[in-house]
Protein backbone atom coordinates (compact mmCIF):
# COMPACT_ATOMS: atom_id res chain seq x y z
CA MET A 1 -1.60 -0.72 -3.12
CA ARG A 2 -4.29 -0.93 -0.46
CA ILE A 3 -4.28 1.33 2.61
CA LEU A 4 -6.36 1.36 5.81
CA VAL A 5 -7.03 4.69 7.53
CA VAL A 6 -8.18 4.48 11.17
CA GLU A 7 -9.04 7.98 12.40
CA ASP A 8 -12.07 9.09 14.44
CA ASP A 9 -11.97 12.73 13.29
CA ARG A 10 -14.29 12.42 10.31
CA ASP A 11 -12.99 15.52 8.52
CA LEU A 12 -9.37 14.38 8.84
CA ASN A 13 -10.33 10.83 7.88
CA ARG A 14 -12.01 12.14 4.73
CA GLN A 15 -9.00 14.33 3.87
CA LEU A 16 -6.64 11.39 4.20
CA VAL A 17 -8.87 9.03 2.22
CA ASP A 18 -9.31 11.60 -0.57
CA ALA A 19 -5.57 12.38 -0.75
CA LEU A 20 -4.61 8.71 -0.78
CA GLY A 21 -7.22 7.96 -3.43
CA ASP A 22 -5.94 10.83 -5.58
CA ALA A 23 -2.42 9.38 -5.17
CA GLY A 24 -3.58 6.08 -6.68
CA TYR A 25 -4.15 3.98 -3.56
CA VAL A 26 -7.17 1.83 -2.76
CA VAL A 27 -8.38 3.00 0.65
CA ASP A 28 -10.56 1.49 3.37
CA LYS A 29 -11.50 3.55 6.42
CA ALA A 30 -12.58 3.08 10.03
CA PHE A 31 -13.67 5.60 12.65
CA ASP A 32 -13.15 3.66 15.87
CA GLY A 33 -10.67 1.21 17.34
CA GLU A 34 -12.79 -1.92 17.22
CA GLU A 35 -13.63 -1.57 13.53
CA GLY A 36 -10.04 -0.62 12.73
CA HIS A 37 -8.66 -3.62 14.58
CA PHE A 38 -11.10 -5.97 12.85
CA LEU A 39 -10.26 -4.69 9.36
CA GLY A 40 -6.52 -4.82 9.97
CA ASP A 41 -6.87 -8.32 11.36
CA THR A 42 -8.94 -9.72 8.50
CA GLU A 43 -7.95 -7.78 5.35
CA PRO A 44 -4.54 -7.66 3.61
CA TYR A 45 -3.21 -4.08 3.67
CA ASP A 46 0.04 -2.74 2.28
CA ALA A 47 0.11 -0.09 5.02
CA VAL A 48 -2.06 1.38 7.78
CA VAL A 49 -2.49 4.97 8.97
CA LEU A 50 -3.48 4.60 12.63
CA ASP A 51 -4.48 7.32 15.09
CA ILE A 52 -3.44 6.73 18.71
CA GLY A 53 -6.44 8.38 20.38
CA LEU A 54 -9.41 6.33 19.22
CA PRO A 55 -12.77 5.49 20.85
CA GLN A 56 -13.54 1.89 21.92
CA MET A 57 -9.92 0.73 21.54
CA ASP A 58 -6.84 2.97 21.46
CA GLY A 59 -4.28 2.80 18.69
CA LEU A 60 -1.46 1.35 20.79
CA THR A 61 -3.67 -1.54 21.93
CA ILE A 62 -4.69 -2.21 18.33
CA LEU A 63 -1.08 -2.18 17.21
CA GLU A 64 0.10 -4.47 19.99
CA ARG A 65 -2.64 -6.98 19.15
CA TRP A 66 -1.83 -6.92 15.45
CA ARG A 67 1.85 -7.52 16.08
CA ARG A 68 1.14 -10.24 18.63
CA ASP A 69 -1.08 -11.98 16.07
CA GLY A 70 1.60 -11.80 13.39
CA ARG A 71 0.27 -8.90 11.31
CA ILE A 72 3.37 -7.33 9.76
CA MET A 73 2.02 -4.55 7.49
CA PRO A 74 3.77 -1.18 7.93
CA VAL A 75 1.95 1.13 10.35
CA LEU A 76 2.19 4.92 10.41
CA LEU A 77 0.94 6.35 13.73
CA LEU A 78 -0.87 9.67 13.99
CA THR A 79 -0.52 11.33 17.37
CA ALA A 80 -1.52 14.66 18.85
CA ARG A 81 0.68 14.02 21.86
CA ASP A 82 3.91 15.97 22.27
CA ARG A 83 5.58 13.86 24.94
CA TRP A 84 8.51 11.87 23.66
CA SER A 85 7.45 8.93 25.86
CA ASP A 86 4.25 8.49 23.82
CA LYS A 87 6.25 8.34 20.60
CA VAL A 88 8.61 5.79 22.14
CA ALA A 89 5.62 3.72 23.29
CA GLY A 90 4.27 3.72 19.74
CA ILE A 91 7.53 2.54 18.22
CA ASP A 92 7.91 -0.12 20.93
CA ALA A 93 4.36 -1.32 20.23
CA GLY A 94 5.37 -2.04 16.63
CA ALA A 95 4.85 1.20 14.70
CA ASP A 96 7.16 1.77 11.74
CA ASP A 97 6.93 5.57 11.81
CA TYR A 98 4.82 8.37 13.26
CA VAL A 99 3.52 11.84 12.36
CA ALA A 100 2.53 14.37 15.01
CA LYS A 101 -0.64 16.41 14.53
CA PRO A 102 -1.09 18.91 13.00
CA PHE A 103 0.65 17.71 9.86
CA HIS A 104 0.69 18.29 6.12
CA ILE A 105 -1.00 15.57 4.07
CA GLU A 106 2.03 15.53 1.78
CA GLU A 107 4.18 14.37 4.69
CA VAL A 108 1.86 11.44 5.38
CA LEU A 109 1.96 10.46 1.70
CA ALA A 110 5.76 10.65 1.59
CA ARG A 111 6.18 8.58 4.75
CA LEU A 112 3.72 5.96 3.49
CA ARG A 113 5.57 5.68 0.18
CA ALA A 114 8.80 5.15 2.08
CA LEU A 115 7.28 2.51 4.39
CA ILE A 116 5.80 0.56 1.47
CA ARG A 117 9.08 0.71 -0.45
CA ARG A 118 11.11 -0.49 2.52
CA ALA A 119 8.67 -3.32 3.22
CA ALA A 120 9.22 -4.48 -0.36
CA GLY A 121 13.00 -4.07 -0.11
CA HIS A 122 13.34 -0.93 -2.25
CA ALA A 123 15.34 2.08 -1.06
CA SER A 124 14.62 4.52 -3.89
CA SER A 125 11.36 6.16 -4.95
CA GLU A 126 12.03 4.79 -8.44
CA ILE A 127 11.76 1.06 -9.10
CA SER A 128 13.17 -0.22 -12.36
CA CYS A 129 13.29 -3.42 -14.37
CA GLY A 130 15.24 -3.09 -17.59
CA PRO A 131 13.60 -0.34 -19.68
CA LEU A 132 10.60 -0.14 -17.32
CA ARG A 133 10.63 2.59 -14.66
CA LEU A 134 8.02 3.11 -11.94
CA ASP A 135 8.13 6.41 -10.04
CA THR A 136 6.27 5.92 -6.76
CA LYS A 137 6.40 9.64 -5.99
CA THR A 138 4.60 10.77 -9.13
CA SER A 139 2.68 7.52 -9.78
CA LYS A 140 4.04 7.40 -13.32
CA ALA A 141 5.49 4.54 -15.35
CA THR A 142 7.75 4.80 -18.38
CA VAL A 143 9.32 2.40 -20.89
CA ASN A 144 12.56 3.63 -22.45
CA GLY A 145 11.68 7.10 -21.20
CA THR A 146 8.23 7.15 -22.81
CA ALA A 147 5.34 7.63 -20.39
CA LEU A 148 2.71 4.89 -20.30
CA LYS A 149 -0.93 5.97 -20.37
CA LEU A 150 -2.40 3.64 -17.74
CA THR A 151 -5.76 3.48 -16.04
CA SER A 152 -5.79 3.55 -12.23
CA HIS A 153 -6.31 -0.21 -12.06
CA GLU A 154 -3.54 -0.90 -14.56
CA PHE A 155 -1.13 1.28 -12.62
CA ARG A 156 -2.04 -0.38 -9.30
CA LEU A 157 -1.49 -3.81 -10.80
CA LEU A 158 1.86 -2.84 -12.30
CA SER A 159 2.92 -1.11 -9.08
CA TYR A 160 2.10 -4.15 -6.97
CA LEU A 161 4.03 -6.50 -9.24
CA MET A 162 6.99 -4.10 -9.33
CA HIS A 163 7.03 -3.74 -5.54
CA HIS A 164 7.03 -7.56 -5.31
CA MET A 165 9.54 -8.19 -8.07
CA ASP A 166 10.76 -11.79 -8.40
CA GLU A 167 7.76 -13.04 -6.42
CA VAL A 168 4.92 -15.04 -7.94
CA VAL A 169 1.74 -13.13 -7.10
CA SER A 170 -1.58 -14.95 -7.36
CA ARG A 171 -4.65 -13.44 -8.96
CA THR A 172 -6.42 -13.64 -5.59
CA GLU A 173 -3.68 -11.60 -3.93
CA LEU A 174 -3.81 -9.02 -6.69
CA VAL A 175 -7.57 -8.68 -6.35
CA GLU A 176 -7.24 -8.23 -2.59
CA HIS A 177 -4.76 -5.38 -3.05
CA LEU A 178 -6.41 -3.67 -6.03
CA TYR A 179 -9.94 -3.27 -4.68
CA ASP A 180 -11.45 -2.01 -1.43
CA GLN A 181 -13.60 -4.13 0.84
CA ASP A 182 -16.91 -3.05 -0.72
CA PHE A 183 -15.96 -3.77 -4.34
CA ASP A 184 -17.52 -6.72 -6.15
CA ARG A 185 -14.25 -8.56 -6.77
CA ASP A 186 -13.66 -10.72 -9.81
CA SER A 187 -10.25 -12.32 -10.30
CA ASN A 188 -10.95 -12.77 -14.02
CA THR A 189 -10.46 -9.03 -14.54
CA ILE A 190 -6.78 -9.40 -13.58
CA GLU A 191 -6.10 -11.33 -16.77
CA VAL A 192 -7.66 -8.49 -18.76
CA PHE A 193 -5.51 -5.87 -17.01
CA VAL A 194 -2.35 -7.92 -17.54
CA GLY A 195 -3.12 -8.20 -21.25
CA ARG A 196 -3.62 -4.45 -21.52
CA LEU A 197 -0.39 -3.76 -19.65
CA ARG A 198 1.62 -6.04 -21.92
CA LYS A 199 0.19 -4.32 -24.99
CA LYS A 200 0.85 -0.81 -23.67
CA MET A 201 4.39 -1.61 -22.49
CA GLY A 202 5.34 -3.32 -25.73
CA ILE A 203 7.80 -5.53 -23.83
CA ASP A 204 7.29 -8.97 -22.32
CA LEU A 205 8.16 -8.39 -18.66
CA ILE A 206 5.08 -9.86 -16.97
CA GLU A 207 5.36 -13.64 -16.82
CA THR A 208 2.37 -15.92 -16.45
CA ILE A 209 3.14 -18.76 -14.04
CA ARG A 210 0.56 -21.36 -14.96
CA GLY A 211 -1.75 -22.24 -12.10
CA MET A 212 -0.02 -19.80 -9.74
CA GLY A 213 -0.19 -16.20 -10.96
CA TYR A 214 2.11 -13.55 -12.39
CA ARG A 215 5.67 -12.37 -11.87
CA ILE A 216 8.02 -9.62 -12.98
CA LYS A 217 11.62 -10.80 -12.85
CA SER A 218 14.38 -8.36 -12.07
CA GLN A 219 17.07 -8.15 -14.73
CA GLU A 220 19.61 -9.63 -12.31
CA ASN A 221 17.51 -12.79 -12.01
CA LYS A 222 16.73 -13.22 -15.68
CA ALA A 223 17.74 -16.68 -16.84
C-alpha cells in the first residue's frame, strides 16, 4: 500500500513517514501544498495524510481540487484547529476522516488502516480467503494458522491483492503501489514476487490472468 504524507512540519513529517514505513507502507512525502497537490494528482495512492495548514496551498483547497478532478483516494486530515466548523469544512471538502493535533501516531495508523479497508470493501482488520489470513493491524499473514515469513515487498504485494480480492490487478498497477516515486521500477520483478509467494503459501490462490495481471478470488466466487 502506498501513502502520501503532506505536512510542512518537517519533524512531524519525518515521524509519520518513519512510522508508516515501519508499518509496511510505501511512503511519499511533501512539505507544501503545491507539491502535495501535484503528487496526489499524478500518482496513485491508497490513502493520503493531509495537513490543513500548509504553505503555498492550504489542505482544504488541495482536497477540493482533488475531489473535483475525480481523485477518490481516502484522505485523513490533520488539523490543529479546535473549532468544529473547521472539521465540518474538511469533511464537506471530501475528507474521509480527521485527527486533531496533537495526536498519537498509533491513532493515525489505526485510522489509515480503517480507511484503506473501507475503500476496499472490508469491515474487519482481518482479511481472509480460505486458509489464508491477512491481519492488517499486525501486518502478518498466515496459512492454516502458520505464519508466513515474507519480505516487505512480498507482504505489500499480497496485501494489495487481498485488499482488491476478485479484481484483476495489472503488473503496472502493482508496481505503482509497491514502490515510491523515486524507485527504479521494473514490472518484471512482480512475477518473481508472485512466484515466491506461491511457494511460501503452498496453496494456489494467486491466479495469473494472461495478458492482464493477477487475481485472488474469494472463496464465495470460486468456480
